[in-house]
C-alpha atoms as a PDB file:
ATOM      1  CA  MET A   1     -18.665  -9.313  -4.153  1.00  0.00           C
ATOM      2  CA  ASP A   2     -16.503 -11.022  -6.773  1.00  0.00           C
ATOM      3  CA  TYR A   3     -13.247 -12.734  -5.860  1.00  0.00           C
ATOM      4  CA  TYR A   4     -10.458 -13.152  -8.389  1.00  0.00           C
ATOM      5  CA  GLN A   5      -8.370 -15.990  -6.952  1.00  0.00           C
ATOM      6  CA  ILE A   6      -4.736 -16.461  -7.912  1.00  0.00           C
ATOM      7  CA  TRP A   7      -2.510 -19.360  -6.894  1.00  0.00           C
ATOM      8  CA  CYS A   8       1.201 -19.401  -7.631  1.00  0.00           C
ATOM      9  CA  ASN A   9       4.630 -20.494  -6.533  1.00  0.00           C
ATOM     10  CA  LEU A  10       7.730 -18.350  -6.393  1.00  0.00           C
ATOM     11  CA  LYS A  11      10.653 -18.837  -8.739  1.00  0.00           C
ATOM     12  CA  GLU A  12      12.933 -18.045  -5.791  1.00  0.00           C
ATOM     13  CA  SER A  13      11.250 -19.106  -2.552  1.00  0.00           C
ATOM     14  CA  HIS A  14      13.765 -17.266  -0.358  1.00  0.00           C
ATOM     15  CA  LYS A  15      12.357 -13.977  -1.709  1.00  0.00           C
ATOM     16  CA  ASP A  16       8.977 -14.569  -0.038  1.00  0.00           C
ATOM     17  CA  LEU A  17       8.862 -11.339   1.987  1.00  0.00           C
ATOM     18  CA  GLU A  18      10.054  -9.294  -0.976  1.00  0.00           C
ATOM     19  CA  PHE A  19       7.320 -10.855  -3.113  1.00  0.00           C
ATOM     20  CA  CYS A  20       4.616 -10.039  -0.564  1.00  0.00           C
ATOM     21  CA  GLY A  21       5.841  -6.448  -0.421  1.00  0.00           C
ATOM     22  CA  HIS A  22       5.617  -6.167  -4.202  1.00  0.00           C
ATOM     23  CA  VAL A  23       2.093  -7.635  -4.241  1.00  0.00           C
ATOM     24  CA  LYS A  24       0.993  -5.157  -1.559  1.00  0.00           C
ATOM     25  CA  ASN A  25       2.501  -2.247  -3.490  1.00  0.00           C
ATOM     26  CA  TYR A  26       0.879  -3.317  -6.765  1.00  0.00           C
ATOM     27  CA  LEU A  27      -2.585  -4.189  -5.499  1.00  0.00           C
ATOM     28  CA  GLY A  28      -2.551  -1.294  -3.024  1.00  0.00           C
ATOM     29  CA  TYR A  29      -1.900   1.024  -5.956  1.00  0.00           C
ATOM     30  CA  LEU A  30      -4.927  -0.396  -7.792  1.00  0.00           C
ATOM     31  CA  GLN A  31      -7.045  -0.191  -4.650  1.00  0.00           C
ATOM     32  CA  ASP A  32      -6.065   3.448  -4.093  1.00  0.00           C
ATOM     33  CA  GLN A  33      -7.267   4.165  -7.627  1.00  0.00           C
ATOM     34  CA  GLY A  34     -10.642   2.522  -6.932  1.00  0.00           C
ATOM     35  CA  LYS A  35      -9.953  -0.393  -9.288  1.00  0.00           C
ATOM     36  CA  LEU A  36     -10.555  -3.015  -6.592  1.00  0.00           C
ATOM     37  CA  LYS A  37     -12.210  -3.228  -3.194  1.00  0.00           C
ATOM     38  CA  GLY A  38      -9.465  -5.115  -1.363  1.00  0.00           C
ATOM     39  CA  PHE A  39      -7.075  -8.041  -1.427  1.00  0.00           C
ATOM     40  CA  THR A  40      -5.414 -10.663   0.742  1.00  0.00           C
ATOM     41  CA  ILE A  41      -2.204 -12.632   0.440  1.00  0.00           C
ATOM     42  CA  THR A  42      -2.079 -16.040   2.089  1.00  0.00           C
ATOM     43  CA  ARG A  43       0.463 -18.832   2.110  1.00  0.00           C
ATOM     44  CA  ARG A  44      -0.062 -22.556   2.394  1.00  0.00           C
ATOM     45  CA  LYS A  45       0.561 -23.728   5.937  1.00  0.00           C
ATOM     46  CA  LEU A  46       2.538 -26.859   6.779  1.00  0.00           C
ATOM     47  CA  GLY A  47       2.475 -27.890   3.123  1.00  0.00           C
ATOM     48  CA  TRP A  48      -1.217 -28.817   3.358  1.00  0.00           C
ATOM     49  CA  GLY A  49      -3.248 -28.412   0.225  1.00  0.00           C
ATOM     50  CA  PRO A  50      -3.659 -29.806  -3.266  1.00  0.00           C
ATOM     51  CA  PRO A  51      -0.236 -29.992  -4.938  1.00  0.00           C
ATOM     52  CA  GLU A  52      -1.635 -28.524  -8.168  1.00  0.00           C
ATOM     53  CA  LEU A  53      -2.398 -25.254  -6.381  1.00  0.00           C
ATOM     54  CA  GLY A  54       0.476 -22.964  -5.577  1.00  0.00           C
ATOM     55  CA  GLU A  55       1.971 -22.170  -2.223  1.00  0.00           C
ATOM     56  CA  PHE A  56       0.632 -18.602  -2.351  1.00  0.00           C
ATOM     57  CA  ASN A  57      -2.991 -17.518  -2.752  1.00  0.00           C
ATOM     58  CA  ILE A  58      -3.895 -13.946  -3.625  1.00  0.00           C
ATOM     59  CA  THR A  59      -7.551 -12.969  -3.415  1.00  0.00           C
ATOM     60  CA  ILE A  60      -8.597  -9.774  -5.190  1.00  0.00           C
ATOM     61  CA  MET A  61     -12.022  -8.486  -4.181  1.00  0.00           C
ATOM     62  CA  THR A  62     -14.174  -6.323  -6.436  1.00  0.00           C
ATOM     63  CA  GLU A  63     -17.680  -5.019  -5.941  1.00  0.00           C
ATOM     64  CA  ASN A  64     -18.808  -6.435  -9.292  1.00  0.00           C
ATOM     65  CA  MET A  65     -17.613  -7.549 -12.706  1.00  0.00           C
ATOM     66  CA  ALA A  66     -17.572  -3.952 -13.953  1.00  0.00           C
ATOM     67  CA  GLN A  67     -14.971  -2.993 -11.344  1.00  0.00           C
ATOM     68  CA  LEU A  68     -12.902  -6.083 -12.187  1.00  0.00           C
ATOM     69  CA  GLU A  69     -13.025  -5.157 -15.872  1.00  0.00           C
ATOM     70  CA  GLN A  70     -11.882  -1.620 -15.026  1.00  0.00           C
ATOM     71  CA  ALA A  71      -8.916  -3.090 -13.174  1.00  0.00           C
ATOM     72  CA  PHE A  72      -8.038  -5.357 -16.108  1.00  0.00           C
ATOM     73  CA  GLN A  73      -8.354  -2.470 -18.576  1.00  0.00           C
ATOM     74  CA  HIS A  74      -6.104  -0.282 -16.448  1.00  0.00           C
ATOM     75  CA  VAL A  75      -3.467  -2.994 -16.073  1.00  0.00           C
ATOM     76  CA  ALA A  76      -3.660  -3.850 -19.797  1.00  0.00           C
ATOM     77  CA  THR A  77      -2.319  -0.403 -20.677  1.00  0.00           C
ATOM     78  CA  ARG A  78       1.071  -1.583 -19.346  1.00  0.00           C
ATOM     79  CA  ASP A  79       1.858   2.067 -18.876  1.00  0.00           C
ATOM     80  CA  GLY A  80       3.940   3.893 -16.325  1.00  0.00           C
ATOM     81  CA  GLU A  81       3.590   3.036 -12.667  1.00  0.00           C
ATOM     82  CA  VAL A  82       1.153   0.169 -13.146  1.00  0.00           C
ATOM     83  CA  GLU A  83       3.637  -1.658 -15.381  1.00  0.00           C
ATOM     84  CA  ARG A  84       6.547  -1.016 -13.042  1.00  0.00           C
ATOM     85  CA  LEU A  85       4.608  -2.434 -10.090  1.00  0.00           C
ATOM     86  CA  HIS A  86       3.177  -5.363 -12.066  1.00  0.00           C
ATOM     87  CA  ARG A  87       6.592  -6.378 -13.410  1.00  0.00           C
ATOM     88  CA  HIS A  88       7.931  -6.985  -9.892  1.00  0.00           C
ATOM     89  CA  VAL A  89       5.072  -9.410  -9.181  1.00  0.00           C
ATOM     90  CA  PHE A  90       4.790 -11.160 -12.541  1.00  0.00           C
ATOM     91  CA  THR A  91       8.493 -11.886 -12.932  1.00  0.00           C
ATOM     92  CA  ALA A  92       8.673 -13.500  -9.466  1.00  0.00           C
ATOM     93  CA  ILE A  93       6.041 -16.206  -9.985  1.00  0.00           C
ATOM     94  CA  THR A  94       5.616 -19.544 -11.663  1.00  0.00           C
ATOM     95  CA  ASP A  95       2.783 -22.106 -11.862  1.00  0.00           C
ATOM     96  CA  PHE A  96       0.117 -19.382 -12.152  1.00  0.00           C
ATOM     97  CA  LYS A  97      -3.511 -20.484 -11.819  1.00  0.00           C
ATOM     98  CA  SER A  98      -6.599 -18.348 -11.400  1.00  0.00           C
ATOM     99  CA  ALA A  99     -10.351 -18.575 -10.894  1.00  0.00           C
ATOM    100  CA  LEU A 100     -13.292 -16.257 -10.377  1.00  0.00           C
ATOM    101  CA  TYR A 101     -15.729 -16.730  -7.483  1.00  0.00           C
ATOM    102  CA  ARG A 102     -18.696 -14.751  -6.163  1.00  0.00           C
ATOM    103  CA  ASP A 103     -20.685 -14.445  -2.975  1.00  0.00           C
ATOM    104  CA  PHE A 104     -23.520 -16.937  -3.047  1.00  0.00           C
ATOM    105  CA  PRO A 105     -26.413 -16.868  -3.108  1.00  0.00           C
ATOM    106  CA  ASP A 106     -26.333 -13.737  -5.197  1.00  0.00           C
ATOM    107  CA  VAL A 107     -28.080 -10.742  -3.650  1.00  0.00           C
ATOM    108  CA  VAL A 108     -30.295 -10.491  -6.758  1.00  0.00           C
ATOM    109  CA  ARG A 109     -31.307 -14.154  -6.603  1.00  0.00           C
ATOM    110  CA  VAL A 110     -35.070 -14.681  -6.540  1.00  0.00           C
ATOM    111  CA  ARG A 111     -36.050 -17.204  -3.873  1.00  0.00           C
END
């Protein structure tokens, strides 16, 4: 499993529930189309955490890099519904950071 990690803050923190709804709509749309395996949205608790990481963490799970690439290719079209859903998420955030992680040890790893 690959995990595309996103950290961000909101431009308008009072719109937190609205933001989460938009993320669920957007990533749920991609999941329904088979472009990702699943996702989670989490929020920093009690202000604990490195200040350089955002208050919100979104984890996008894909079966492999090929599925992640399919998701990126689909989103890159910026066409129709995918753009409408993406716009609601992208315009709400600031301080975007991302990383890519994987399950370890890899299932193909020779021991």
